[in-house]
Amino acid sequence: MKQKIVLFVLGIVTLAYNPLFVQAQVITLDLSKPVDPSALTFDEEKGQWTDSFSDAPLVFEHFTFSHDGGMYGTSGYWSGFVVGTSGDTCDYGSANSASTDGWLLNQWGNMAGGGIKTNPDGSVVKDEEDKVLTEKGIPYLIVNEYGELAVTFDKTYEAVGVYLNNHPWPYYGNLYGDGYARALDQEGDYYKVIITGLNPETGETGKVEHLFAEYKDGQLVQNTDWEWVDLSSLGKISSLTLTLTSTDMGEWGMNTSGYFCLDKLQVRHTETDLVPSVVATVQLYPNPVVDRLIVSGSAIRQVTITDLSGRTVYQYQASDQARLTIPVSAWAKGVYVVSVWDNSGRSTHKIIKK
């Protein structure tokens, strides 16, 4: 009898620490499941997302990525996040390049040679040396910093990590210079990204830095593989901002070309997510919104709205309102997170300002 009791207790302990149980709490960015737009189409030859020059955030399940784009005549521009599939590693514009095509026509590659391969269960495929395996045609995010870079979640999660990779434009520019940027060939030179966690209730939660290039001990070190970056130190976050910097700075900011690649961003449900909650009765409409946002519910007590960076743009406190009209016409276009407190508790919603 005692033996059976011991075995039963051990079974409970095993379940509590079962990696599959823990893994079920993790949410991983899946670029095959776009929400807005509802489907992604690509230029098959260049691996370019056909909406790269659009002017709207890029939304996937649980994740919203800032994106700004447009046209100057026949030329397109963008900043933020776009999707690529080419895996192109060629040099199109450094001082050592023989190509005359230029980077603007060929900005859709990454130095790993493709997107991250995964198993049927979603886990990353690696070789015996723990190198992430890649394949052309698998989508990945290309990041271009000529504006604010932000990732917003549909609620607050615990930060886990993300895979990052060098982009060919800064990679070859760091080696040889590219007409705008000098080569990173001096001791102490670097090119890096600073990732900042934000929580609407507590503000900034911390920073994580990742080096894409570093000149140290007489040589420039740049990794061409997908690298895992641990973000767990950021704690509970509802958004991230990403800032690029290098030692090659000019009058107008960084000279180094501000590109890198990103995929498999992971967050984990917080402890409170595992506890059943009361279903909220709040409704927000219209969504997307242009002029006025209507918030209706059961005895609304507080409404707080934050932008992608976690900055509060609207806050309202009252007693038991059933309907609230919020003017939003003066707000910048983009995605906002709306937190509402009513008789059902707190609920979080995502709206798009057109």
Protein backbone atom coordinates (compact mmCIF):
# COMPACT_ATOMS: atom_id res chain seq x y z
CA MET A 1 0.00 0.00 0.00
CA LYS A 2 2.79 2.43 0.90
CA GLN A 3 4.54 1.68 -2.40
CA LYS A 4 1.44 2.61 -4.40
CA ILE A 5 1.12 5.91 -2.57
CA VAL A 6 4.74 6.81 -3.30
CA LEU A 7 4.32 6.02 -7.00
CA PHE A 8 1.21 8.20 -7.16
CA VAL A 9 3.02 11.16 -5.60
CA LEU A 10 5.94 10.76 -8.00
CA GLY A 11 3.48 10.77 -10.88
CA ILE A 12 2.14 14.14 -9.75
CA VAL A 13 5.63 15.61 -9.51
CA THR A 14 6.51 14.33 -12.96
CA LEU A 15 3.41 15.97 -14.44
CA ALA A 16 4.19 19.29 -12.77
CA TYR A 17 7.64 19.40 -14.36
CA ASN A 18 6.77 17.75 -17.67
CA PRO A 19 8.37 19.85 -20.47
CA LEU A 20 5.30 19.29 -22.64
CA PHE A 21 3.13 20.85 -19.94
CA VAL A 22 5.42 23.88 -19.78
CA GLN A 23 5.70 24.09 -23.58
CA ALA A 24 1.91 24.27 -23.87
CA GLN A 25 2.04 27.65 -22.12
CA VAL A 26 4.39 29.14 -24.75
CA ILE A 27 3.11 31.13 -27.74
CA THR A 28 5.40 31.22 -30.80
CA LEU A 29 5.09 33.67 -33.69
CA ASP A 30 3.79 31.72 -36.70
CA LEU A 31 4.22 33.64 -39.96
CA SER A 32 2.00 31.12 -41.76
CA LYS A 33 -1.03 32.48 -39.87
CA PRO A 34 -1.47 36.14 -40.83
CA VAL A 35 -4.51 38.00 -39.53
CA ASP A 36 -4.20 41.37 -41.29
CA PRO A 37 -3.70 41.00 -44.17
CA SER A 38 -5.46 37.63 -44.12
CA ALA A 39 -2.98 36.16 -46.63
CA LEU A 40 0.59 36.93 -47.71
CA THR A 41 1.61 36.95 -51.37
CA PHE A 42 5.17 37.20 -52.69
CA ASP A 43 7.15 38.06 -55.78
CA GLU A 44 8.43 34.55 -56.49
CA GLU A 45 11.68 35.73 -58.09
CA LYS A 46 12.76 38.21 -55.39
CA GLY A 47 10.99 36.70 -52.36
CA GLN A 48 9.45 40.11 -51.68
CA TRP A 49 6.13 40.49 -49.87
CA THR A 50 3.90 42.26 -52.40
CA ASP A 51 2.47 44.60 -49.72
CA SER A 52 5.88 45.75 -48.47
CA PHE A 53 5.08 49.37 -49.35
CA SER A 54 1.63 49.40 -47.75
CA ASP A 55 0.74 51.66 -44.84
CA ALA A 56 -0.75 49.44 -42.14
CA PRO A 57 0.49 47.30 -39.23
CA LEU A 58 1.31 43.66 -39.91
CA VAL A 59 -0.83 41.44 -37.66
CA PHE A 60 -0.41 37.76 -36.78
CA GLU A 61 -2.06 35.70 -34.05
CA HIS A 62 -1.25 37.44 -30.73
CA PHE A 63 1.40 39.75 -32.35
CA THR A 64 1.15 43.13 -34.12
CA PHE A 65 4.22 44.58 -35.87
CA SER A 66 4.61 48.26 -36.71
CA HIS A 67 4.82 49.03 -40.41
CA ASP A 68 4.87 52.25 -42.39
CA GLY A 69 5.19 52.47 -46.15
CA GLY A 70 4.28 54.36 -49.29
CA MET A 71 5.46 55.46 -52.71
CA TYR A 72 7.62 58.33 -53.97
CA GLY A 73 6.71 58.30 -57.63
CA THR A 74 7.65 54.82 -58.83
CA SER A 75 9.87 54.07 -55.82
CA GLY A 76 8.55 52.41 -52.68
CA TYR A 77 9.71 53.05 -49.13
CA TRP A 78 9.00 51.31 -45.83
CA SER A 79 10.09 51.05 -42.24
CA GLY A 80 9.17 48.59 -39.52
CA PHE A 81 8.60 44.92 -40.37
CA VAL A 82 8.01 43.14 -43.70
CA VAL A 83 8.07 39.48 -44.70
CA GLY A 84 10.68 37.93 -46.99
CA THR A 85 11.26 34.43 -48.37
CA SER A 86 14.32 34.68 -50.64
CA GLY A 87 17.14 33.80 -48.25
CA ASP A 88 19.39 35.80 -50.59
CA THR A 89 22.92 36.29 -49.18
CA CYS A 90 24.45 38.25 -52.11
CA ASP A 91 26.28 41.58 -51.89
CA TYR A 92 24.45 44.22 -53.95
CA GLY A 93 26.02 47.46 -52.85
CA SER A 94 29.18 47.40 -50.75
CA ALA A 95 32.48 48.88 -51.84
CA ASN A 96 33.55 45.31 -52.74
CA SER A 97 30.45 44.42 -54.76
CA ALA A 98 30.51 43.74 -58.49
CA SER A 99 26.71 44.04 -58.69
CA THR A 100 25.07 47.15 -60.13
CA ASP A 101 21.52 46.17 -59.08
CA GLY A 102 21.61 48.01 -55.76
CA TRP A 103 20.17 47.18 -52.36
CA LEU A 104 16.77 48.81 -52.79
CA LEU A 105 15.84 46.22 -55.42
CA ASN A 106 17.31 43.36 -53.38
CA GLN A 107 16.56 44.02 -49.71
CA TRP A 108 14.61 40.82 -48.99
CA GLY A 109 17.37 38.35 -47.99
CA ASN A 110 19.09 37.20 -44.82
CA MET A 111 22.58 35.92 -44.07
CA ALA A 112 21.37 32.51 -42.83
CA GLY A 113 20.20 31.67 -46.35
CA GLY A 114 16.50 31.19 -45.59
CA GLY A 115 13.72 30.90 -43.03
CA ILE A 116 13.85 28.61 -39.99
CA LYS A 117 12.90 24.98 -40.61
CA THR A 118 10.54 23.43 -38.06
CA ASN A 119 9.26 19.97 -37.19
CA PRO A 120 5.54 19.12 -37.42
CA ASP A 121 5.18 20.01 -33.71
CA GLY A 122 6.61 23.50 -34.37
CA SER A 123 10.03 22.90 -32.77
CA VAL A 124 13.10 24.31 -34.54
CA VAL A 125 15.19 21.88 -36.61
CA LYS A 126 18.92 21.90 -35.77
CA ASP A 127 21.92 19.86 -36.89
CA GLU A 128 24.30 17.88 -34.65
CA GLU A 129 26.26 21.08 -33.93
CA ASP A 130 23.10 22.86 -32.73
CA LYS A 131 22.96 25.09 -35.81
CA VAL A 132 19.48 26.15 -36.91
CA LEU A 133 18.63 24.70 -40.32
CA THR A 134 17.12 26.98 -42.95
CA GLU A 135 15.36 26.77 -46.27
CA LYS A 136 14.59 29.29 -49.01
CA GLY A 137 10.88 29.91 -49.38
CA ILE A 138 10.15 29.78 -45.63
CA PRO A 139 8.99 33.25 -44.49
CA TYR A 140 10.85 35.41 -41.97
CA LEU A 141 10.58 39.04 -40.87
CA ILE A 142 12.90 41.72 -42.19
CA VAL A 143 13.28 44.72 -39.91
CA ASN A 144 14.19 48.20 -41.16
CA GLU A 145 14.65 51.03 -38.68
CA TYR A 146 13.78 54.36 -40.22
CA GLY A 147 11.00 54.92 -37.70
CA GLU A 148 9.84 53.45 -34.42
CA LEU A 149 10.02 49.65 -34.30
CA ALA A 150 7.40 48.10 -32.06
CA VAL A 151 5.79 44.73 -31.43
CA THR A 152 2.51 44.72 -29.50
CA PHE A 153 0.80 41.68 -27.98
CA ASP A 154 -2.91 41.08 -27.55
CA LYS A 155 -2.42 40.92 -23.76
CA THR A 156 0.35 40.85 -21.17
CA TYR A 157 2.69 37.86 -21.37
CA GLU A 158 6.00 36.76 -19.88
CA ALA A 159 8.86 37.33 -22.31
CA VAL A 160 10.71 34.20 -23.49
CA GLY A 161 12.99 34.90 -26.48
CA VAL A 162 13.42 35.40 -30.21
CA TYR A 163 15.63 34.29 -33.12
CA LEU A 164 17.64 37.07 -34.81
CA ASN A 165 19.83 37.04 -37.92
CA ASN A 166 22.08 39.43 -39.83
CA HIS A 167 20.77 41.11 -42.98
CA PRO A 168 23.08 41.23 -46.04
CA TRP A 169 23.02 45.03 -46.41
CA PRO A 170 24.65 45.89 -43.05
CA TYR A 171 26.66 42.65 -43.09
CA TYR A 172 28.59 43.58 -46.23
CA GLY A 173 28.58 47.27 -45.36
CA ASN A 174 30.23 46.46 -42.03
CA LEU A 175 32.94 44.55 -43.91
CA TYR A 176 33.64 46.95 -46.79
CA GLY A 177 31.59 50.12 -46.37
CA ASP A 178 28.70 50.89 -48.70
CA GLY A 179 28.92 54.51 -49.82
CA TYR A 180 26.97 55.74 -46.79
CA ALA A 181 28.49 53.73 -43.98
CA ARG A 182 32.14 53.05 -43.29
CA ALA A 183 33.50 49.59 -42.62
CA LEU A 184 33.54 48.62 -38.96
CA ASP A 185 37.31 48.17 -38.81
CA GLN A 186 38.29 49.95 -35.62
CA GLU A 187 38.73 48.40 -32.20
CA GLY A 188 35.46 48.67 -30.27
CA ASP A 189 33.25 49.12 -33.33
CA TYR A 190 29.82 47.46 -33.11
CA TYR A 191 26.36 47.19 -34.65
CA LYS A 192 23.60 46.02 -32.30
CA VAL A 193 19.90 46.03 -31.45
CA ILE A 194 18.48 47.08 -28.08
CA ILE A 195 15.19 45.38 -27.20
CA THR A 196 13.11 47.11 -24.52
CA GLY A 197 10.17 45.51 -22.71
CA LEU A 198 7.13 47.62 -21.85
CA ASN A 199 4.22 47.04 -19.51
CA PRO A 200 1.29 49.53 -19.52
CA GLU A 201 1.00 49.34 -15.73
CA THR A 202 4.68 49.43 -14.71
CA GLY A 203 6.35 51.09 -17.72
CA GLU A 204 9.74 49.91 -18.96
CA THR A 205 10.64 46.44 -17.66
CA GLY A 206 14.24 46.16 -18.88
CA LYS A 207 16.53 45.99 -21.90
CA VAL A 208 18.33 43.20 -23.76
CA GLU A 209 21.15 43.93 -26.22
CA HIS A 210 22.26 41.72 -29.10
CA LEU A 211 25.40 42.29 -31.18
CA PHE A 212 25.22 41.71 -34.94
CA ALA A 213 28.81 42.90 -35.48
CA GLU A 214 31.77 43.62 -33.20
CA TYR A 215 35.37 44.54 -34.04
CA LYS A 216 37.44 42.99 -31.30
CA ASP A 217 41.07 41.91 -30.98
CA GLY A 218 41.87 42.99 -34.52
CA GLN A 219 38.99 41.33 -36.37
CA LEU A 220 35.34 41.91 -37.21
CA VAL A 221 33.04 39.19 -35.88
CA GLN A 222 29.63 38.74 -37.53
CA ASN A 223 27.45 35.65 -37.20
CA THR A 224 25.54 34.47 -40.27
CA ASP A 225 23.32 31.94 -38.41
CA TRP A 226 19.96 32.40 -36.74
CA GLU A 227 20.78 33.10 -33.07
CA TRP A 228 18.47 32.63 -30.08
CA VAL A 229 18.23 35.73 -27.88
CA ASP A 230 16.89 35.18 -24.33
CA LEU A 231 14.32 37.85 -23.39
CA SER A 232 13.15 36.32 -20.11
CA SER A 233 14.80 39.07 -18.07
CA LEU A 234 12.20 41.52 -19.45
CA GLY A 235 9.50 39.84 -17.35
CA LYS A 236 5.81 40.59 -17.95
CA ILE A 237 5.35 42.71 -21.05
CA SER A 238 2.62 43.84 -23.41
CA SER A 239 4.95 45.25 -26.08
CA LEU A 240 8.54 45.53 -27.24
CA THR A 241 10.47 48.34 -28.88
CA LEU A 242 13.61 47.69 -30.92
CA THR A 243 16.37 50.26 -31.44
CA LEU A 244 19.42 49.83 -33.66
CA THR A 245 22.72 51.55 -32.98
CA SER A 246 26.33 51.38 -34.14
CA THR A 247 29.61 53.20 -33.66
CA ASP A 248 29.29 54.67 -37.17
CA MET A 249 27.14 57.72 -36.43
CA GLY A 250 26.64 60.82 -38.56
CA GLU A 251 24.89 64.17 -38.37
CA TRP A 252 21.50 62.56 -39.08
CA GLY A 253 21.95 59.45 -36.94
CA MET A 254 23.33 55.98 -37.63
CA ASN A 255 25.17 55.52 -40.93
CA THR A 256 25.16 51.72 -40.76
CA SER A 257 22.23 50.35 -42.75
CA GLY A 258 19.49 49.64 -40.20
CA TYR A 259 18.35 46.14 -41.18
CA PHE A 260 18.19 42.74 -39.48
CA CYS A 261 15.93 39.65 -39.56
CA LEU A 262 13.65 38.14 -36.91
CA ASP A 263 11.49 35.05 -36.40
CA LYS A 264 9.97 32.68 -33.81
CA LEU A 265 9.32 35.37 -31.20
CA GLN A 266 8.10 33.58 -28.06
CA VAL A 267 6.10 34.69 -25.03
CA ARG A 268 4.53 32.65 -22.25
CA HIS A 269 1.15 32.90 -20.58
CA THR A 270 1.36 34.52 -17.16
CA GLU A 271 0.30 32.66 -14.04
CA THR A 272 -3.02 34.52 -13.95
CA ASP A 273 -3.82 33.20 -17.44
CA LEU A 274 -4.00 29.69 -16.00
CA VAL A 275 -6.80 30.68 -13.62
CA PRO A 276 -10.33 30.70 -15.10
CA SER A 277 -11.62 34.26 -15.43
CA VAL A 278 -15.02 35.83 -15.71
CA VAL A 279 -16.12 36.43 -19.30
CA ALA A 280 -16.06 40.14 -20.05
CA THR A 281 -19.17 41.82 -21.43
CA VAL A 282 -17.35 44.74 -23.07
CA GLN A 283 -17.85 45.60 -26.74
CA LEU A 284 -15.77 48.03 -28.84
CA TYR A 285 -16.91 49.32 -32.23
CA PRO A 286 -16.33 50.20 -34.98
CA ASN A 287 -13.03 48.39 -35.44
CA PRO A 288 -11.12 49.58 -37.43
CA VAL A 289 -12.12 53.06 -36.26
CA VAL A 290 -11.75 56.45 -37.95
CA ASP A 291 -13.49 59.15 -35.86
CA ARG A 292 -15.22 57.82 -32.72
CA LEU A 293 -14.75 54.63 -30.75
CA ILE A 294 -17.73 53.29 -28.80
CA VAL A 295 -17.07 51.29 -25.63
CA SER A 296 -20.10 49.62 -24.11
CA GLY A 297 -20.34 47.23 -21.18
CA SER A 298 -21.75 46.58 -17.76
CA ALA A 299 -20.96 49.50 -15.46
CA ILE A 300 -17.68 50.70 -17.00
CA ARG A 301 -15.41 52.14 -14.32
CA GLN A 302 -12.13 52.76 -16.15
CA VAL A 303 -10.71 52.78 -19.69
CA THR A 304 -7.00 53.06 -20.51
CA ILE A 305 -5.68 53.11 -24.09
CA THR A 306 -1.99 52.74 -24.98
CA ASP A 307 -0.14 52.89 -28.29
CA LEU A 308 2.41 50.39 -29.62
CA SER A 309 5.19 51.82 -27.47
CA GLY A 310 3.15 51.46 -24.27
CA ARG A 311 2.47 55.22 -24.01
CA THR A 312 -0.95 56.09 -22.57
CA VAL A 313 -2.97 58.12 -25.11
CA TYR A 314 -6.32 58.07 -23.30
CA GLN A 315 -7.54 57.42 -19.77
CA TYR A 316 -11.04 57.67 -18.32
CA GLN A 317 -12.33 57.05 -14.82
CA ALA A 318 -15.98 57.27 -13.79
CA SER A 319 -18.66 55.26 -12.04
CA ASP A 320 -20.82 52.67 -13.73
CA GLN A 321 -21.04 54.02 -17.28
CA ALA A 322 -22.87 51.77 -19.75
CA ARG A 323 -21.57 53.49 -22.88
CA LEU A 324 -18.57 55.67 -23.60
CA THR A 325 -17.75 57.59 -26.81
CA ILE A 326 -14.04 58.31 -27.39
CA PRO A 327 -12.90 60.77 -30.13
CA VAL A 328 -9.90 59.29 -31.97
CA SER A 329 -9.71 61.27 -35.23
CA ALA A 330 -6.56 63.11 -34.10
CA TRP A 331 -4.69 59.92 -33.24
CA ALA A 332 -1.96 58.52 -35.47
CA LYS A 333 -2.86 55.54 -37.63
CA GLY A 334 -1.93 52.21 -36.07
CA VAL A 335 -2.82 49.64 -33.46
CA TYR A 336 -3.86 50.53 -29.90
CA VAL A 337 -4.46 48.39 -26.81
CA VAL A 338 -7.65 49.16 -24.85
CA SER A 339 -8.00 48.02 -21.22
CA VAL A 340 -11.52 48.22 -19.77
CA TRP A 341 -12.62 47.67 -16.15
CA ASP A 342 -16.31 46.93 -15.56
CA ASN A 343 -18.47 44.65 -13.40
CA SER A 344 -17.03 41.60 -15.16
CA GLY A 345 -13.45 42.56 -14.27
CA ARG A 346 -10.69 43.74 -16.57
CA SER A 347 -10.62 42.94 -20.29
CA THR A 348 -8.04 43.84 -22.93
CA HIS A 349 -8.85 44.60 -26.56
CA LYS A 350 -6.97 45.59 -29.70
CA ILE A 351 -8.22 48.28 -32.11
CA ILE A 352 -6.89 49.63 -35.39
CA LYS A 353 -7.05 53.39 -36.05
CA LYS A 354 -7.39 54.04 -39.77
